[in-house]
Protein backbone atom coordinates (compact mmCIF):
# COMPACT_ATOMS: atom_id res chain seq x y z
CA UNK A 1 -0.15 -0.01 0.10
CA UNK A 2 3.39 2.42 1.04
CA UNK A 3 4.69 1.75 -2.53
CA UNK A 4 1.18 2.14 -4.58
CA UNK A 5 1.68 5.73 -2.60
CA UNK A 6 5.07 6.44 -3.44
CA UNK A 7 4.52 6.22 -6.89
CA UNK A 8 1.38 8.21 -6.90
CA UNK A 9 3.38 11.10 -4.80
CA UNK A 10 6.77 10.12 -7.44
CA UNK A 11 3.74 10.51 -10.66
CA UNK A 12 2.63 13.96 -9.27
CA UNK A 13 6.13 15.45 -8.78
CA UNK A 14 6.87 14.24 -12.52
CA UNK A 15 4.18 15.86 -13.71
CA UNK A 16 5.33 18.91 -11.61
CA UNK A 17 8.53 18.99 -13.33
CA UNK A 18 7.57 18.54 -16.79
CA UNK A 19 4.72 21.23 -15.99
CA UNK A 20 7.65 23.36 -14.67
CA UNK A 21 10.52 22.62 -17.75
CA UNK A 22 7.50 23.82 -20.07
CA UNK A 23 6.78 27.11 -18.05
CA UNK A 24 10.61 27.49 -18.49
CA UNK A 25 10.82 26.85 -21.74
CA UNK A 26 7.63 29.06 -22.81
CA UNK A 27 9.54 31.85 -20.89
CA UNK A 28 12.64 31.15 -22.47
CA UNK A 29 11.06 31.58 -25.90
CA UNK A 30 9.29 34.97 -25.01
CA UNK A 31 11.42 37.91 -26.15
CA UNK A 32 14.97 37.72 -24.63
CA UNK A 33 15.60 39.72 -21.53
CA UNK A 34 18.42 42.82 -22.52
CA UNK A 35 19.51 42.13 -18.89
CA UNK A 36 21.03 38.19 -19.38
CA UNK A 37 23.06 37.46 -15.82
CA UNK A 38 24.85 34.18 -15.86
CA UNK A 39 23.63 31.24 -14.73
CA UNK A 40 25.94 30.78 -10.96
CA UNK A 41 26.90 27.27 -10.64
CA UNK A 42 24.71 26.59 -7.95
CA UNK A 43 21.87 27.21 -10.26
CA UNK A 44 23.32 24.18 -12.91
CA UNK A 45 23.12 21.66 -10.20
CA UNK A 46 19.92 22.81 -8.97
CA UNK A 47 18.90 22.02 -12.75
CA UNK A 48 21.08 19.31 -13.13
CA UNK A 49 19.34 17.50 -10.56
CA UNK A 50 15.60 18.55 -11.07
CA UNK A 51 16.62 16.98 -14.51
CA UNK A 52 17.95 13.76 -12.89
CA UNK A 53 15.50 13.79 -10.62
CA UNK A 54 12.94 13.53 -13.35
CA UNK A 55 14.97 10.67 -15.11
CA UNK A 56 14.78 8.88 -11.97
CA UNK A 57 10.82 9.36 -11.07
CA UNK A 58 10.23 8.44 -14.70
CA UNK A 59 12.40 5.54 -14.83
CA UNK A 60 10.33 4.97 -10.98
CA UNK A 61 6.78 4.99 -13.19
CA UNK A 62 8.00 2.45 -15.93
CA UNK A 63 9.15 0.42 -13.59
CA UNK A 64 6.04 -0.04 -11.59
CA UNK A 65 3.97 -0.07 -15.26
CA UNK A 66 6.53 -3.22 -16.09
CA UNK A 67 6.16 -4.78 -12.75
CA UNK A 68 2.28 -4.23 -13.27
CA UNK A 69 2.13 -5.46 -16.81
CA UNK A 70 4.29 -8.70 -16.10
CA UNK A 71 2.34 -10.12 -12.77
CA UNK A 72 -0.70 -10.02 -15.05
CA UNK A 73 0.75 -11.73 -17.42
CA UNK A 74 1.82 -14.62 -15.19
CA UNK A 75 -1.56 -14.90 -13.83
CA UNK A 76 -2.93 -15.10 -17.34
CA UNK A 77 -0.08 -17.95 -17.97
CA UNK A 78 -0.67 -20.06 -14.55
CA UNK A 79 -4.04 -20.11 -15.25
CA UNK A 80 -4.05 -21.13 -18.59
CA UNK A 81 -1.36 -23.75 -18.00
CA UNK A 82 -3.50 -26.36 -17.86
CA UNK A 83 -5.78 -25.62 -20.76
CA UNK A 84 -3.67 -27.82 -23.52
CA UNK A 85 -3.83 -30.83 -21.91
CA UNK A 86 -7.24 -30.90 -20.64
CA UNK A 87 -8.22 -30.06 -24.65
CA UNK A 88 -6.40 -33.19 -25.10
CA UNK A 89 -8.10 -35.48 -22.87
CA UNK A 90 -12.01 -34.16 -23.63
CA UNK A 91 -11.51 -36.61 -26.22
CA UNK A 92 -10.57 -39.54 -24.16
CA UNK A 93 -13.52 -38.81 -21.93
CA UNK A 94 -15.61 -38.49 -25.08
CA UNK A 95 -14.72 -42.63 -25.42
CA UNK A 96 -15.09 -43.11 -21.45
CA UNK A 97 -18.54 -41.96 -22.42
CA UNK A 98 -18.81 -44.29 -24.73
CA UNK A 99 -17.57 -47.20 -22.98
CA UNK A 100 -19.59 -46.37 -20.40
CA UNK A 101 -22.86 -46.70 -22.68
CA UNK A 102 -21.42 -50.50 -24.19
CA UNK A 103 -21.08 -51.32 -20.82
CA UNK A 104 -24.47 -50.91 -20.24
CA UNK A 105 -25.73 -51.87 -23.05
CA UNK A 106 -23.58 -54.59 -23.78
CA UNK A 107 -23.04 -58.34 -22.09
CA UNK A 108 -19.97 -59.60 -24.00
CA UNK A 109 -17.16 -59.67 -21.35
CA UNK A 110 -14.84 -59.97 -24.15
CA UNK A 111 -15.67 -57.02 -26.50
CA UNK A 112 -15.78 -54.50 -23.20
CA UNK A 113 -12.58 -55.49 -21.55
CA UNK A 114 -11.46 -54.78 -25.52
CA UNK A 115 -13.15 -51.65 -25.66
CA UNK A 116 -12.36 -50.48 -21.93
CA UNK A 117 -8.87 -51.13 -22.80
CA UNK A 118 -8.74 -49.00 -25.78
CA UNK A 119 -9.38 -46.34 -23.58
CA UNK A 120 -6.87 -46.98 -21.44
CA UNK A 121 -4.47 -47.00 -24.01
CA UNK A 122 -5.32 -43.58 -25.36
CA UNK A 123 -5.44 -41.83 -21.92
CA UNK A 124 -1.61 -42.80 -21.31
CA UNK A 125 -1.23 -41.83 -25.25
CA UNK A 126 -2.51 -38.42 -24.41
CA UNK A 127 -0.79 -37.96 -20.91
CA UNK A 128 2.65 -39.33 -22.69
CA UNK A 129 2.11 -37.35 -26.27
CA UNK A 130 2.09 -33.98 -23.57
CA UNK A 131 5.94 -35.44 -21.40
CA UNK A 132 4.60 -36.92 -19.39
CA UNK A 133 7.39 -40.35 -18.51
CA UNK A 134 6.59 -42.68 -16.11
CA UNK A 135 9.92 -43.91 -14.05
CA UNK A 136 11.36 -47.02 -13.56
CA UNK A 137 11.85 -48.34 -10.16
CA UNK A 138 11.79 -51.60 -9.57
CA UNK A 139 15.30 -53.75 -9.22
CA UNK A 140 16.94 -50.16 -9.29
CA UNK A 141 19.28 -48.69 -6.48
CA UNK A 142 17.47 -46.58 -4.06
CA UNK A 143 17.66 -42.76 -5.16
CA UNK A 144 16.22 -40.67 -2.55
CA UNK A 145 15.67 -37.82 -5.32
CA UNK A 146 13.98 -39.93 -6.88
CA UNK A 147 12.05 -42.91 -4.60
CA UNK A 148 9.85 -42.22 -1.79
CA UNK A 149 10.38 -45.21 0.74
CA UNK A 150 7.37 -46.30 2.44
CA UNK A 151 9.06 -48.97 4.47
CA UNK A 152 12.24 -51.81 4.61
CA UNK A 153 11.71 -55.50 3.87
CA UNK A 154 14.09 -58.30 4.67
CA UNK A 155 15.30 -58.31 0.68
CA UNK A 156 14.89 -61.82 -1.05
CA UNK A 157 18.61 -62.14 -1.98
CA UNK A 158 22.01 -60.46 -1.32
CA UNK A 159 21.84 -58.73 -4.75
CA UNK A 160 18.22 -56.89 -4.35
CA UNK A 161 19.99 -55.10 -0.63
CA UNK A 162 19.48 -51.27 -1.22
CA UNK A 163 17.11 -51.55 -4.11
CA UNK A 164 13.73 -50.99 -4.93
CA UNK A 165 12.17 -54.74 -4.52
CA UNK A 166 8.40 -53.18 -5.22
CA UNK A 167 6.76 -49.79 -6.25
CA UNK A 168 3.41 -49.09 -4.64
CA UNK A 169 2.75 -45.74 -6.34
CA UNK A 170 4.52 -45.58 -9.98
CA UNK A 171 6.81 -42.13 -9.99
CA UNK A 172 6.47 -39.65 -13.22
CA UNK A 173 8.64 -37.14 -14.73
CA UNK A 174 7.20 -34.18 -17.29
CA UNK A 175 9.92 -33.25 -19.69
CA UNK A 176 12.32 -35.07 -17.50
CA UNK A 177 11.33 -33.48 -14.00
CA UNK A 178 9.96 -35.14 -11.36
CA UNK A 179 6.48 -34.33 -10.99
CA UNK A 180 5.77 -37.46 -8.64
CA UNK A 181 8.11 -39.84 -6.58
CA UNK A 182 7.60 -43.05 -7.03
CA UNK A 183 6.53 -44.69 -3.54
CA UNK A 184 8.69 -48.33 -3.13
CA UNK A 185 9.15 -50.58 -0.95
CA UNK A 186 13.48 -51.53 -0.46
CA UNK A 187 15.50 -54.19 0.24
CA UNK A 188 17.49 -54.56 3.90
């Protein structure tokens, strides 16, 4: 809140400086005064100071506008970030609706199983096409950067000590960045 008040005060100062400069320019353009006195060093420094202050205030106002604009752009980006994936999943949702109708209308389990498997494959391919990849964890070395250990159990063999024995929840990456850690059981 205080920053906004400072910006408002600075804007008023900028307008005053601009108005003062315009008055000075209009006075300079009027008929020349017969008695011109040289400007003292102090007056020159005051004029320079006023110019620098004007530049500073304009720069601050421009920076405030930049912050406001980038903040708005960031909010817009966050609000529409998931739009692409959701639009691509609408086709899958249509397939789910069709599969549900077939489940209710048809008693042939083989046909139903085949239709549901097609929907599952379409969901996977849609998500994977957006850059999501499952992590391979089973029989890999336990890595705290990738895995979340739920429990430790005695390893069935000596070679599985310190390795992932079972995967309770699969981990996923998005463009090589982990978006969900794998929940695993580790051998000890």
